[in-house]
Amino acid sequence: MFPRTMRTRTACALVFALVLLLPAAARADGPASVHLTRCKTGPDPSERTATYKAWMRAVPGSVRMALRFRLVAHYPGHHPEVVADSKLRVWHYSHHEVTRYGYRQTIKHLAAAGTYRTVVRFRWYDANGQVIRRAKRVSGACVQKGQLPNLVITGVQISRAPVGGNYVYGVSYANIGRGEAGSFSVALFVDGALADSREIGGLGPGEGSTVYLNGPACKRLRAVIDRENAVPETNEGDNSYRARC
């Protein structure tokens, strides 16, 4: 038999060798992991994409696995926020009895000036369809350079429509920020009720325009730009314009 000290050294060497044989992700994250595999940047929104790869391994008692991606964006001057995207609400399920499951998710048209990570939730199911284990992992960051826009309503002009007795509201808006704004809406509220809205394709820094919306006669009005908060901005608190008619 080996001396005790030699047995201890031999056992430690064997354990160390086994650890080296495991993938780094498996050692660090156990049966689940997610990584940023590609981050593309560019001046045009169509060039800005991030690709994340998540994987998971079966655990004792599991017969099926599932995972779901959620994108978290962090813009300058903002708290981190979950990006609303219906494609990222879907759970992706493995086939039954597989020992390893992976999924690659690409997210396109990222806004400039944002730092993007994905948070992946993992589930393991037993033969009865019950969740027996859960996990959550956070990826590395995809950093997009650039400046943020700032959308504002600059004024509203009212004129009577030639027919029908309605009014035409000329809602003027501008981007007073340094970054380009993607698609956003302009909405008109008359006496507290939504009267009309229009989708605008985008607006460059320093640009402005006017959209003409229809509505009834008003006592008070409110015009709102980007009411869905689809565009990250330097200031989210100046998107509304109020006036008495």
Protein backbone atom coordinates (compact mmCIF):
# COMPACT_ATOMS: atom_id res chain seq x y z
CA MET A 1 0.00 0.00 0.00
CA PHE A 2 1.01 3.61 -0.57
CA PRO A 3 1.91 5.74 2.43
CA ARG A 4 -0.91 7.99 3.58
CA THR A 5 0.71 11.15 2.25
CA MET A 6 1.25 9.54 -1.15
CA ARG A 7 -2.37 8.32 -1.28
CA THR A 8 -3.56 11.84 -0.47
CA ARG A 9 -1.39 13.38 -3.17
CA THR A 10 -2.53 10.77 -5.69
CA ALA A 11 -6.22 11.38 -4.88
CA CYS A 12 -5.76 15.15 -5.18
CA ALA A 13 -4.02 14.70 -8.52
CA LEU A 14 -6.88 12.52 -9.81
CA VAL A 15 -9.50 15.04 -8.70
CA PHE A 16 -7.55 17.86 -10.33
CA ALA A 17 -7.29 15.87 -13.56
CA LEU A 18 -11.04 15.22 -13.60
CA VAL A 19 -11.76 18.91 -13.09
CA LEU A 20 -9.52 19.76 -16.03
CA LEU A 21 -11.51 17.36 -18.22
CA LEU A 22 -14.77 19.24 -17.57
CA PRO A 23 -15.68 22.26 -19.75
CA ALA A 24 -15.05 25.56 -17.99
CA ALA A 25 -18.73 26.49 -18.25
CA ALA A 26 -19.82 23.24 -16.67
CA ARG A 27 -17.43 23.72 -13.75
CA ALA A 28 -18.58 27.28 -13.14
CA ASP A 29 -22.29 27.02 -13.84
CA GLY A 30 -23.19 23.41 -13.12
CA PRO A 31 -25.93 21.96 -15.35
CA ALA A 32 -26.79 25.27 -17.09
CA SER A 33 -24.99 28.17 -18.72
CA VAL A 34 -25.42 31.06 -21.16
CA HIS A 35 -22.81 32.95 -23.16
CA LEU A 36 -22.68 35.89 -25.55
CA THR A 37 -21.37 34.35 -28.77
CA ARG A 38 -21.59 37.33 -31.13
CA CYS A 39 -22.06 41.09 -30.77
CA LYS A 40 -22.31 43.13 -33.98
CA THR A 41 -22.29 46.92 -33.91
CA GLY A 42 -22.84 49.59 -36.55
CA PRO A 43 -24.41 52.96 -37.31
CA ASP A 44 -27.57 51.42 -38.77
CA PRO A 45 -30.08 49.57 -36.53
CA SER A 46 -30.09 46.60 -38.92
CA GLU A 47 -26.38 46.07 -38.19
CA ARG A 48 -26.74 45.95 -34.41
CA THR A 49 -27.37 42.38 -33.24
CA ALA A 50 -26.48 40.11 -30.34
CA THR A 51 -26.42 36.30 -30.34
CA TYR A 52 -26.55 34.30 -27.12
CA LYS A 53 -26.16 30.54 -26.66
CA ALA A 54 -27.70 28.75 -23.68
CA TRP A 55 -27.29 25.09 -22.79
CA MET A 56 -28.36 22.75 -20.03
CA ARG A 57 -27.72 19.15 -18.98
CA ALA A 58 -30.14 16.61 -17.56
CA VAL A 59 -30.16 16.17 -13.79
CA PRO A 60 -31.17 13.07 -11.79
CA GLY A 61 -34.91 12.50 -12.19
CA SER A 62 -35.41 14.80 -15.17
CA VAL A 63 -36.88 13.61 -18.48
CA ARG A 64 -37.32 16.96 -20.23
CA MET A 65 -35.78 20.43 -20.10
CA ALA A 66 -36.82 23.96 -21.03
CA LEU A 67 -35.31 27.43 -21.16
CA ARG A 68 -36.40 31.01 -21.85
CA PHE A 69 -34.47 34.16 -22.78
CA ARG A 70 -35.20 37.68 -21.55
CA LEU A 71 -33.18 40.67 -22.77
CA VAL A 72 -32.13 43.30 -20.24
CA ALA A 73 -30.95 46.68 -21.54
CA HIS A 74 -29.04 49.33 -19.62
CA TYR A 75 -28.97 52.80 -21.18
CA PRO A 76 -27.00 55.80 -19.86
CA GLY A 77 -28.96 57.51 -17.10
CA HIS A 78 -31.50 54.67 -16.89
CA HIS A 79 -31.98 51.70 -14.61
CA PRO A 80 -31.64 48.28 -16.28
CA GLU A 81 -34.93 47.30 -17.91
CA VAL A 82 -36.38 44.22 -19.55
CA VAL A 83 -36.91 44.73 -23.28
CA ALA A 84 -40.49 43.94 -24.31
CA ASP A 85 -40.26 41.41 -27.13
CA SER A 86 -42.92 38.77 -27.73
CA LYS A 87 -40.32 36.39 -29.22
CA LEU A 88 -38.48 36.34 -25.90
CA ARG A 89 -41.51 35.26 -23.87
CA VAL A 90 -41.48 31.76 -25.34
CA TRP A 91 -40.24 28.71 -23.46
CA HIS A 92 -38.12 26.40 -25.62
CA TYR A 93 -38.53 22.70 -24.76
CA SER A 94 -36.18 19.80 -25.39
CA HIS A 95 -37.22 16.38 -26.61
CA HIS A 96 -37.84 13.77 -23.93
CA GLU A 97 -34.94 11.76 -22.51
CA VAL A 98 -32.16 13.91 -23.98
CA THR A 99 -29.11 14.49 -21.79
CA ARG A 100 -28.13 17.88 -23.16
CA TYR A 101 -30.15 20.73 -24.66
CA GLY A 102 -29.01 24.01 -26.21
CA TYR A 103 -30.63 26.97 -27.93
CA ARG A 104 -29.18 29.95 -29.79
CA GLN A 105 -31.08 33.27 -29.70
CA THR A 106 -30.27 36.23 -31.97
CA ILE A 107 -31.74 39.63 -31.17
CA LYS A 108 -31.78 42.22 -33.95
CA HIS A 109 -32.18 45.99 -34.27
CA LEU A 110 -30.63 46.89 -30.93
CA ALA A 111 -30.81 50.54 -29.98
CA ALA A 112 -27.59 52.54 -29.85
CA ALA A 113 -25.88 53.46 -26.56
CA GLY A 114 -27.18 50.36 -24.78
CA THR A 115 -25.53 47.52 -22.89
CA TYR A 116 -27.43 44.27 -23.44
CA ARG A 117 -27.39 41.06 -21.42
CA THR A 118 -29.75 38.13 -21.55
CA VAL A 119 -31.18 36.49 -18.45
CA VAL A 120 -32.04 32.84 -19.09
CA ARG A 121 -34.30 30.78 -16.85
CA PHE A 122 -33.96 27.01 -16.93
CA ARG A 123 -36.40 24.29 -15.85
CA TRP A 124 -36.09 20.54 -15.45
CA TYR A 125 -39.22 18.35 -15.57
CA ASP A 126 -39.85 14.84 -14.26
CA ALA A 127 -41.93 12.11 -15.93
CA ASN A 128 -45.14 13.65 -14.51
CA GLY A 129 -44.41 17.06 -16.02
CA GLN A 130 -43.55 18.61 -12.66
CA VAL A 131 -40.67 21.06 -12.33
CA ILE A 132 -38.01 19.48 -10.13
CA ARG A 133 -35.30 22.09 -10.52
CA ARG A 134 -34.88 25.70 -11.61
CA ALA A 135 -31.89 27.88 -12.41
CA LYS A 136 -31.12 31.36 -13.70
CA ARG A 137 -28.01 32.55 -15.53
CA VAL A 138 -26.90 35.95 -16.84
CA SER A 139 -24.81 36.37 -19.98
CA GLY A 140 -21.94 38.67 -20.77
CA ALA A 141 -22.69 42.13 -22.17
CA CYS A 142 -23.10 43.25 -25.77
CA VAL A 143 -22.18 46.96 -25.77
CA GLN A 144 -23.55 49.22 -28.47
CA LYS A 145 -21.89 52.60 -28.84
CA GLY A 146 -23.66 55.81 -29.75
CA GLN A 147 -25.93 58.52 -28.37
CA LEU A 148 -29.55 58.45 -27.26
CA PRO A 149 -32.33 60.51 -28.88
CA ASN A 150 -34.83 62.68 -27.02
CA LEU A 151 -38.32 62.98 -28.51
CA VAL A 152 -40.58 65.91 -27.64
CA ILE A 153 -43.85 67.48 -28.80
CA THR A 154 -43.15 71.08 -29.78
CA GLY A 155 -46.70 72.30 -30.40
CA VAL A 156 -50.22 71.63 -31.68
CA GLN A 157 -52.14 73.65 -34.28
CA ILE A 158 -55.93 73.15 -34.61
CA SER A 159 -58.04 73.72 -37.72
CA ARG A 160 -61.59 72.71 -38.64
CA ALA A 161 -61.88 69.86 -41.10
CA PRO A 162 -63.60 70.78 -44.39
CA VAL A 163 -66.22 68.05 -43.96
CA GLY A 164 -67.73 66.09 -41.11
CA GLY A 165 -67.41 68.72 -38.42
CA ASN A 166 -64.21 67.22 -37.00
CA TYR A 167 -60.98 69.06 -36.44
CA VAL A 168 -57.47 68.52 -37.77
CA TYR A 169 -54.72 68.70 -35.18
CA GLY A 170 -51.26 69.41 -36.53
CA VAL A 171 -48.96 67.86 -33.93
CA SER A 172 -45.35 69.01 -34.31
CA TYR A 173 -42.56 66.92 -32.84
CA ALA A 174 -38.76 66.88 -32.80
CA ASN A 175 -35.73 64.87 -31.78
CA ILE A 176 -33.63 67.18 -29.62
CA GLY A 177 -31.18 64.42 -28.66
CA ARG A 178 -27.90 63.39 -30.28
CA GLY A 179 -28.94 59.91 -31.35
CA GLU A 180 -31.29 58.59 -34.02
CA ALA A 181 -34.75 57.47 -32.92
CA GLY A 182 -36.33 54.33 -34.32
CA SER A 183 -40.05 53.87 -34.92
CA PHE A 184 -42.41 55.55 -32.45
CA SER A 185 -46.02 56.71 -32.21
CA VAL A 186 -47.63 60.12 -31.87
CA ALA A 187 -51.01 60.06 -30.11
CA LEU A 188 -53.68 62.70 -29.59
CA PHE A 189 -56.01 62.72 -26.57
CA VAL A 190 -59.04 65.03 -26.61
CA ASP A 191 -60.77 65.67 -23.28
CA GLY A 192 -59.09 62.58 -21.83
CA ALA A 193 -60.00 60.13 -24.62
CA LEU A 194 -57.72 58.82 -27.35
CA ALA A 195 -58.79 60.49 -30.60
CA ASP A 196 -56.14 59.41 -33.10
CA SER A 197 -52.57 58.15 -33.36
CA ARG A 198 -49.96 57.58 -36.03
CA GLU A 199 -46.82 55.48 -36.32
CA ILE A 200 -43.68 57.37 -37.36
CA GLY A 201 -40.85 55.49 -39.04
CA GLY A 202 -37.99 57.25 -37.25
CA LEU A 203 -36.29 60.60 -36.74
CA GLY A 204 -32.67 61.69 -36.89
CA PRO A 205 -30.95 63.93 -34.34
CA GLY A 206 -32.02 67.57 -34.67
CA GLU A 207 -34.87 66.73 -37.03
CA GLY A 208 -38.54 67.61 -36.64
CA SER A 209 -41.83 67.24 -38.47
CA THR A 210 -45.61 67.55 -38.15
CA VAL A 211 -48.23 64.83 -38.27
CA TYR A 212 -51.91 65.62 -38.85
CA LEU A 213 -54.40 63.80 -36.64
CA ASN A 214 -58.19 63.91 -36.54
CA GLY A 215 -60.40 64.53 -33.55
CA PRO A 216 -63.53 66.25 -32.24
CA ALA A 217 -63.71 69.75 -30.82
CA CYS A 218 -61.83 69.96 -27.56
CA LYS A 219 -61.75 71.76 -24.24
CA ARG A 220 -58.34 70.38 -23.42
CA LEU A 221 -55.88 68.22 -25.33
CA ARG A 222 -52.81 66.13 -24.73
CA ALA A 223 -50.33 64.96 -27.35
CA VAL A 224 -47.93 62.15 -26.47
CA ILE A 225 -44.89 60.96 -28.38
CA ASP A 226 -43.64 57.39 -27.93
CA ARG A 227 -46.33 56.51 -25.39
CA GLU A 228 -45.26 52.83 -25.54
CA ASN A 229 -41.68 53.77 -24.53
CA ALA A 230 -40.37 51.90 -27.56
CA VAL A 231 -37.44 54.32 -27.96
CA PRO A 232 -34.85 54.68 -25.18
CA GLU A 233 -34.22 58.38 -24.59
CA THR A 234 -32.06 60.68 -22.51
CA ASN A 235 -35.24 62.01 -20.86
CA GLU A 236 -38.42 59.95 -20.68
CA GLY A 237 -40.32 62.62 -18.77
CA ASP A 238 -40.87 65.18 -21.54
CA ASN A 239 -42.90 63.13 -24.02
CA SER A 240 -46.26 64.75 -23.23
CA TYR A 241 -47.71 68.12 -24.28
CA ARG A 242 -50.86 69.58 -22.71
CA ALA A 243 -52.95 72.59 -23.70
CA ARG A 244 -56.41 74.12 -23.40
CA CYS A 245 -58.34 74.62 -26.61
